[in-house]
């Protein structure tokens, strides 16, 4: 999958299963696709795509499981660069976005749609440039790591034992 910042689409090349790819298709997006995240937002076992567009919005395509996607729907969390994880302990995929010193979270409903934007501060004095999700303390909960612009530090935000993350 590749995107071109100056286009309105991304290319998707499906694997043949033998190390080769089929001819690529174009998935039409909003203006300036700048990143692609693959996750399962509706719990059907098929890959869904979250494509950042125009620096502050996301196009979401629910996968049909055969290399095709349902029509896109758009969210405008005020940032792009989604990272998936379960940030409220409900077993459904949520999306988190870096945005300066404040991060935005859209909570998944489990049907491919997302609840409104919630924001929280990471405590970083420099703007967050990158995010990573993982279970860094082996407690079964998704934790968050942030990397900042202008310094060489990372911050680890651990989910709490009540199943509610750092939010």
C-alpha atoms as a PDB file:
ATOM      1  CA  UNK A   1       0.000   0.000   0.000  1.00  0.00           C
ATOM      2  CA  UNK A   2       1.359   3.381  -0.884  1.00  0.00           C
ATOM      3  CA  UNK A   3       0.030   6.911  -0.843  1.00  0.00           C
ATOM      4  CA  UNK A   4       1.067  10.060  -2.628  1.00  0.00           C
ATOM      5  CA  UNK A   5       0.732  13.270  -0.646  1.00  0.00           C
ATOM      6  CA  UNK A   6      -0.206  15.193  -3.784  1.00  0.00           C
ATOM      7  CA  UNK A   7      -2.953  12.808  -4.868  1.00  0.00           C
ATOM      8  CA  UNK A   8      -6.416  11.739  -3.821  1.00  0.00           C
ATOM      9  CA  UNK A   9      -5.835   8.020  -3.560  1.00  0.00           C
ATOM     10  CA  UNK A  10      -3.608   5.190  -2.385  1.00  0.00           C
ATOM     11  CA  UNK A  11      -2.446   2.140  -4.307  1.00  0.00           C
ATOM     12  CA  UNK A  12      -3.187  -1.322  -2.936  1.00  0.00           C
ATOM     13  CA  UNK A  13      -1.406  -4.394  -4.275  1.00  0.00           C
ATOM     14  CA  UNK A  14      -2.865  -7.690  -3.030  1.00  0.00           C
ATOM     15  CA  UNK A  15      -0.561 -10.656  -2.568  1.00  0.00           C
ATOM     16  CA  UNK A  16      -1.013 -13.796  -4.656  1.00  0.00           C
ATOM     17  CA  UNK A  17       0.211 -15.997  -1.803  1.00  0.00           C
ATOM     18  CA  UNK A  18       3.409 -16.978  -3.598  1.00  0.00           C
ATOM     19  CA  UNK A  19       5.509 -13.886  -2.849  1.00  0.00           C
ATOM     20  CA  UNK A  20       4.186 -11.991  -5.869  1.00  0.00           C
ATOM     21  CA  UNK A  21       1.503  -9.326  -6.161  1.00  0.00           C
ATOM     22  CA  UNK A  22      -1.539  -8.823  -8.334  1.00  0.00           C
ATOM     23  CA  UNK A  23      -1.922  -5.574 -10.278  1.00  0.00           C
ATOM     24  CA  UNK A  24      -2.504  -2.698  -7.889  1.00  0.00           C
ATOM     25  CA  UNK A  25      -5.790  -0.885  -7.538  1.00  0.00           C
ATOM     26  CA  UNK A  26      -6.372   2.735  -6.537  1.00  0.00           C
ATOM     27  CA  UNK A  27      -8.485   3.434  -3.456  1.00  0.00           C
ATOM     28  CA  UNK A  28      -9.880   6.973  -3.719  1.00  0.00           C
ATOM     29  CA  UNK A  29      -9.298   9.059  -0.611  1.00  0.00           C
ATOM     30  CA  UNK A  30      -9.541  12.649   0.469  1.00  0.00           C
ATOM     31  CA  UNK A  31      -6.809  15.103  -0.478  1.00  0.00           C
ATOM     32  CA  UNK A  32      -3.193  14.376   0.432  1.00  0.00           C
ATOM     33  CA  UNK A  33      -3.125  10.852   1.886  1.00  0.00           C
ATOM     34  CA  UNK A  34      -0.179  10.772   4.268  1.00  0.00           C
ATOM     35  CA  UNK A  35      -0.304   7.490   6.199  1.00  0.00           C
ATOM     36  CA  UNK A  36      -2.106   4.153   6.221  1.00  0.00           C
ATOM     37  CA  UNK A  37      -3.056   2.009   9.211  1.00  0.00           C
ATOM     38  CA  UNK A  38      -4.486  -1.486   8.900  1.00  0.00           C
ATOM     39  CA  UNK A  39      -6.641  -2.825  11.757  1.00  0.00           C
ATOM     40  CA  UNK A  40      -9.999  -4.522  12.353  1.00  0.00           C
ATOM     41  CA  UNK A  41     -12.390  -1.818  13.543  1.00  0.00           C
ATOM     42  CA  UNK A  42     -15.586  -3.860  13.371  1.00  0.00           C
ATOM     43  CA  UNK A  43     -14.378  -7.214  14.690  1.00  0.00           C
ATOM     44  CA  UNK A  44     -15.295  -9.221  11.581  1.00  0.00           C
ATOM     45  CA  UNK A  45     -11.777 -10.584  11.057  1.00  0.00           C
ATOM     46  CA  UNK A  46     -11.226  -8.523   7.884  1.00  0.00           C
ATOM     47  CA  UNK A  47      -8.585  -5.828   7.498  1.00  0.00           C
ATOM     48  CA  UNK A  48      -9.966  -2.296   7.579  1.00  0.00           C
ATOM     49  CA  UNK A  49      -7.966   0.740   6.471  1.00  0.00           C
ATOM     50  CA  UNK A  50      -7.555   4.067   8.231  1.00  0.00           C
ATOM     51  CA  UNK A  51      -5.910   6.566   5.891  1.00  0.00           C
ATOM     52  CA  UNK A  52      -4.762   9.950   7.130  1.00  0.00           C
ATOM     53  CA  UNK A  53      -5.641  12.783   4.775  1.00  0.00           C
ATOM     54  CA  UNK A  54      -5.103  16.547   4.748  1.00  0.00           C
ATOM     55  CA  UNK A  55      -3.099  16.621   7.999  1.00  0.00           C
ATOM     56  CA  UNK A  56      -6.225  16.586  10.206  1.00  0.00           C
ATOM     57  CA  UNK A  57      -8.679  13.954   8.995  1.00  0.00           C
ATOM     58  CA  UNK A  58      -8.974  10.213   8.516  1.00  0.00           C
ATOM     59  CA  UNK A  59     -10.739   8.206   5.824  1.00  0.00           C
ATOM     60  CA  UNK A  60     -11.953   4.814   7.042  1.00  0.00           C
ATOM     61  CA  UNK A  61     -12.600   1.898   4.712  1.00  0.00           C
ATOM     62  CA  UNK A  62     -14.146  -1.260   6.160  1.00  0.00           C
ATOM     63  CA  UNK A  63     -12.786  -4.364   4.453  1.00  0.00           C
ATOM     64  CA  UNK A  64     -15.009  -6.998   2.841  1.00  0.00           C
ATOM     65  CA  UNK A  65     -12.373  -9.725   3.234  1.00  0.00           C
ATOM     66  CA  UNK A  66     -11.808 -10.176  -0.494  1.00  0.00           C
ATOM     67  CA  UNK A  67      -9.526  -7.204  -1.201  1.00  0.00           C
ATOM     68  CA  UNK A  68     -12.427  -4.796  -1.677  1.00  0.00           C
ATOM     69  CA  UNK A  69     -13.702  -2.160   0.702  1.00  0.00           C
ATOM     70  CA  UNK A  70     -16.999  -0.528   1.585  1.00  0.00           C
ATOM     71  CA  UNK A  71     -17.424   3.147   0.697  1.00  0.00           C
ATOM     72  CA  UNK A  72     -15.276   5.394   2.847  1.00  0.00           C
ATOM     73  CA  UNK A  73     -16.475   7.452   5.707  1.00  0.00           C
ATOM     74  CA  UNK A  74     -14.579  10.352   7.180  1.00  0.00           C
ATOM     75  CA  UNK A  75     -13.620  11.417  10.676  1.00  0.00           C
ATOM     76  CA  UNK A  76     -12.032  14.716  11.552  1.00  0.00           C
ATOM     77  CA  UNK A  77     -10.177  14.259  14.834  1.00  0.00           C
ATOM     78  CA  UNK A  78      -8.012  17.320  14.160  1.00  0.00           C
ATOM     79  CA  UNK A  79      -4.965  15.214  13.367  1.00  0.00           C
ATOM     80  CA  UNK A  80      -3.889  12.247  11.283  1.00  0.00           C
ATOM     81  CA  UNK A  81      -1.561   9.326  11.859  1.00  0.00           C
ATOM     82  CA  UNK A  82      -3.865   6.889  13.632  1.00  0.00           C
ATOM     83  CA  UNK A  83      -2.477   4.154  15.851  1.00  0.00           C
ATOM     84  CA  UNK A  84      -4.929   1.382  16.832  1.00  0.00           C
ATOM     85  CA  UNK A  85      -5.297  -0.113  20.297  1.00  0.00           C
ATOM     86  CA  UNK A  86      -7.840  -0.799  23.028  1.00  0.00           C
ATOM     87  CA  UNK A  87      -7.518   2.331  25.147  1.00  0.00           C
ATOM     88  CA  UNK A  88     -10.560   1.899  27.384  1.00  0.00           C
ATOM     89  CA  UNK A  89     -10.404  -1.836  28.067  1.00  0.00           C
ATOM     90  CA  UNK A  90     -13.655  -2.782  26.301  1.00  0.00           C
ATOM     91  CA  UNK A  91     -12.064  -5.191  23.789  1.00  0.00           C
ATOM     92  CA  UNK A  92     -12.840  -2.958  20.796  1.00  0.00           C
ATOM     93  CA  UNK A  93     -10.304  -1.203  18.585  1.00  0.00           C
ATOM     94  CA  UNK A  94      -9.874   2.492  19.278  1.00  0.00           C
ATOM     95  CA  UNK A  95      -7.694   4.985  17.402  1.00  0.00           C
ATOM     96  CA  UNK A  96      -5.250   7.460  18.900  1.00  0.00           C
ATOM     97  CA  UNK A  97      -3.661  10.400  17.060  1.00  0.00           C
ATOM     98  CA  UNK A  98      -0.665  12.604  17.876  1.00  0.00           C
ATOM     99  CA  UNK A  99      -1.443  16.306  17.959  1.00  0.00           C
ATOM    100  CA  UNK A 100       1.140  18.531  19.588  1.00  0.00           C
ATOM    101  CA  UNK A 101       1.143  18.103  23.361  1.00  0.00           C
ATOM    102  CA  UNK A 102      -2.418  16.744  23.320  1.00  0.00           C
ATOM    103  CA  UNK A 103      -3.364  13.331  21.944  1.00  0.00           C
ATOM    104  CA  UNK A 104      -6.782  12.580  20.462  1.00  0.00           C
ATOM    105  CA  UNK A 105      -8.631   9.298  20.932  1.00  0.00           C
ATOM    106  CA  UNK A 106     -11.656   8.023  19.037  1.00  0.00           C
ATOM    107  CA  UNK A 107     -13.277   5.099  20.856  1.00  0.00           C
ATOM    108  CA  UNK A 108     -14.438   2.191  18.712  1.00  0.00           C
ATOM    109  CA  UNK A 109     -18.001   0.943  19.036  1.00  0.00           C
ATOM    110  CA  UNK A 110     -17.092  -2.471  17.608  1.00  0.00           C
ATOM    111  CA  UNK A 111     -19.163  -1.963  14.457  1.00  0.00           C
ATOM    112  CA  UNK A 112     -16.586   0.061  12.511  1.00  0.00           C
ATOM    113  CA  UNK A 113     -17.799   3.433  13.762  1.00  0.00           C
ATOM    114  CA  UNK A 114     -16.112   5.616  16.334  1.00  0.00           C
ATOM    115  CA  UNK A 115     -17.333   7.806  19.176  1.00  0.00           C
ATOM    116  CA  UNK A 116     -16.446  11.471  19.444  1.00  0.00           C
ATOM    117  CA  UNK A 117     -12.966  12.777  20.013  1.00  0.00           C
ATOM    118  CA  UNK A 118     -11.531  12.710  23.509  1.00  0.00           C
ATOM    119  CA  UNK A 119      -8.234  14.409  24.258  1.00  0.00           C
ATOM    120  CA  UNK A 120      -5.610  13.967  26.927  1.00  0.00           C
ATOM    121  CA  UNK A 121      -2.223  15.442  27.691  1.00  0.00           C
ATOM    122  CA  UNK A 122       0.884  13.261  27.633  1.00  0.00           C
ATOM    123  CA  UNK A 123       2.846  15.533  29.931  1.00  0.00           C
ATOM    124  CA  UNK A 124       5.468  16.146  27.256  1.00  0.00           C
ATOM    125  CA  UNK A 125       6.749  19.681  26.894  1.00  0.00           C
ATOM    126  CA  UNK A 126       7.606  19.157  23.215  1.00  0.00           C
ATOM    127  CA  UNK A 127       5.069  18.155  20.555  1.00  0.00           C
ATOM    128  CA  UNK A 128       4.542  14.414  20.125  1.00  0.00           C
ATOM    129  CA  UNK A 129       5.617  13.204  16.700  1.00  0.00           C
ATOM    130  CA  UNK A 130       5.128   9.465  16.964  1.00  0.00           C
ATOM    131  CA  UNK A 131       3.123   6.931  18.934  1.00  0.00           C
ATOM    132  CA  UNK A 132       3.454   3.206  19.517  1.00  0.00           C
ATOM    133  CA  UNK A 133       1.131   0.824  21.315  1.00  0.00           C
ATOM    134  CA  UNK A 134       2.030  -2.373  23.140  1.00  0.00           C
ATOM    135  CA  UNK A 135       1.701  -4.211  26.427  1.00  0.00           C
ATOM    136  CA  UNK A 136       4.985  -2.978  27.854  1.00  0.00           C
ATOM    137  CA  UNK A 137       4.475  -4.232  31.420  1.00  0.00           C
ATOM    138  CA  UNK A 138       2.793  -7.559  30.507  1.00  0.00           C
ATOM    139  CA  UNK A 139      -0.502  -6.861  32.290  1.00  0.00           C
ATOM    140  CA  UNK A 140      -2.736  -7.548  29.276  1.00  0.00           C
ATOM    141  CA  UNK A 141      -3.565  -3.863  28.692  1.00  0.00           C
ATOM    142  CA  UNK A 142      -2.507  -1.602  25.807  1.00  0.00           C
ATOM    143  CA  UNK A 143       0.066   0.948  26.922  1.00  0.00           C
ATOM    144  CA  UNK A 144       1.320   3.923  24.924  1.00  0.00           C
ATOM    145  CA  UNK A 145       4.789   5.214  24.062  1.00  0.00           C
ATOM    146  CA  UNK A 146       5.246   8.727  22.696  1.00  0.00           C
ATOM    147  CA  UNK A 147       8.241  10.197  20.889  1.00  0.00           C
ATOM    148  CA  UNK A 148       8.708  13.946  20.838  1.00  0.00           C
ATOM    149  CA  UNK A 149       9.997  16.448  18.337  1.00  0.00           C
ATOM    150  CA  UNK A 150      13.100  18.398  19.394  1.00  0.00           C
ATOM    151  CA  UNK A 151      14.334  15.983  22.069  1.00  0.00           C
ATOM    152  CA  UNK A 152      15.563  12.423  22.319  1.00  0.00           C
ATOM    153  CA  UNK A 153      13.202  11.223  25.038  1.00  0.00           C
ATOM    154  CA  UNK A 154      10.247   8.897  24.864  1.00  0.00           C
ATOM    155  CA  UNK A 155       7.433   8.687  27.390  1.00  0.00           C
ATOM    156  CA  UNK A 156       5.710   5.478  28.429  1.00  0.00           C
ATOM    157  CA  UNK A 157       2.102   5.806  29.559  1.00  0.00           C
ATOM    158  CA  UNK A 158       0.906   2.630  31.276  1.00  0.00           C
ATOM    159  CA  UNK A 159      -2.736   1.591  31.354  1.00  0.00           C
ATOM    160  CA  UNK A 160      -4.155   1.317  34.840  1.00  0.00           C
ATOM    161  CA  UNK A 161      -5.309  -1.874  36.549  1.00  0.00           C
ATOM    162  CA  UNK A 162      -9.004  -0.936  36.327  1.00  0.00           C
ATOM    163  CA  UNK A 163      -8.881  -1.589  32.593  1.00  0.00           C
ATOM    164  CA  UNK A 164      -9.153   2.110  31.819  1.00  0.00           C
ATOM    165  CA  UNK A 165      -6.053   3.474  30.201  1.00  0.00           C
ATOM    166  CA  UNK A 166      -4.194   6.645  30.956  1.00  0.00           C
ATOM    167  CA  UNK A 167      -7.061   8.682  29.531  1.00  0.00           C
END
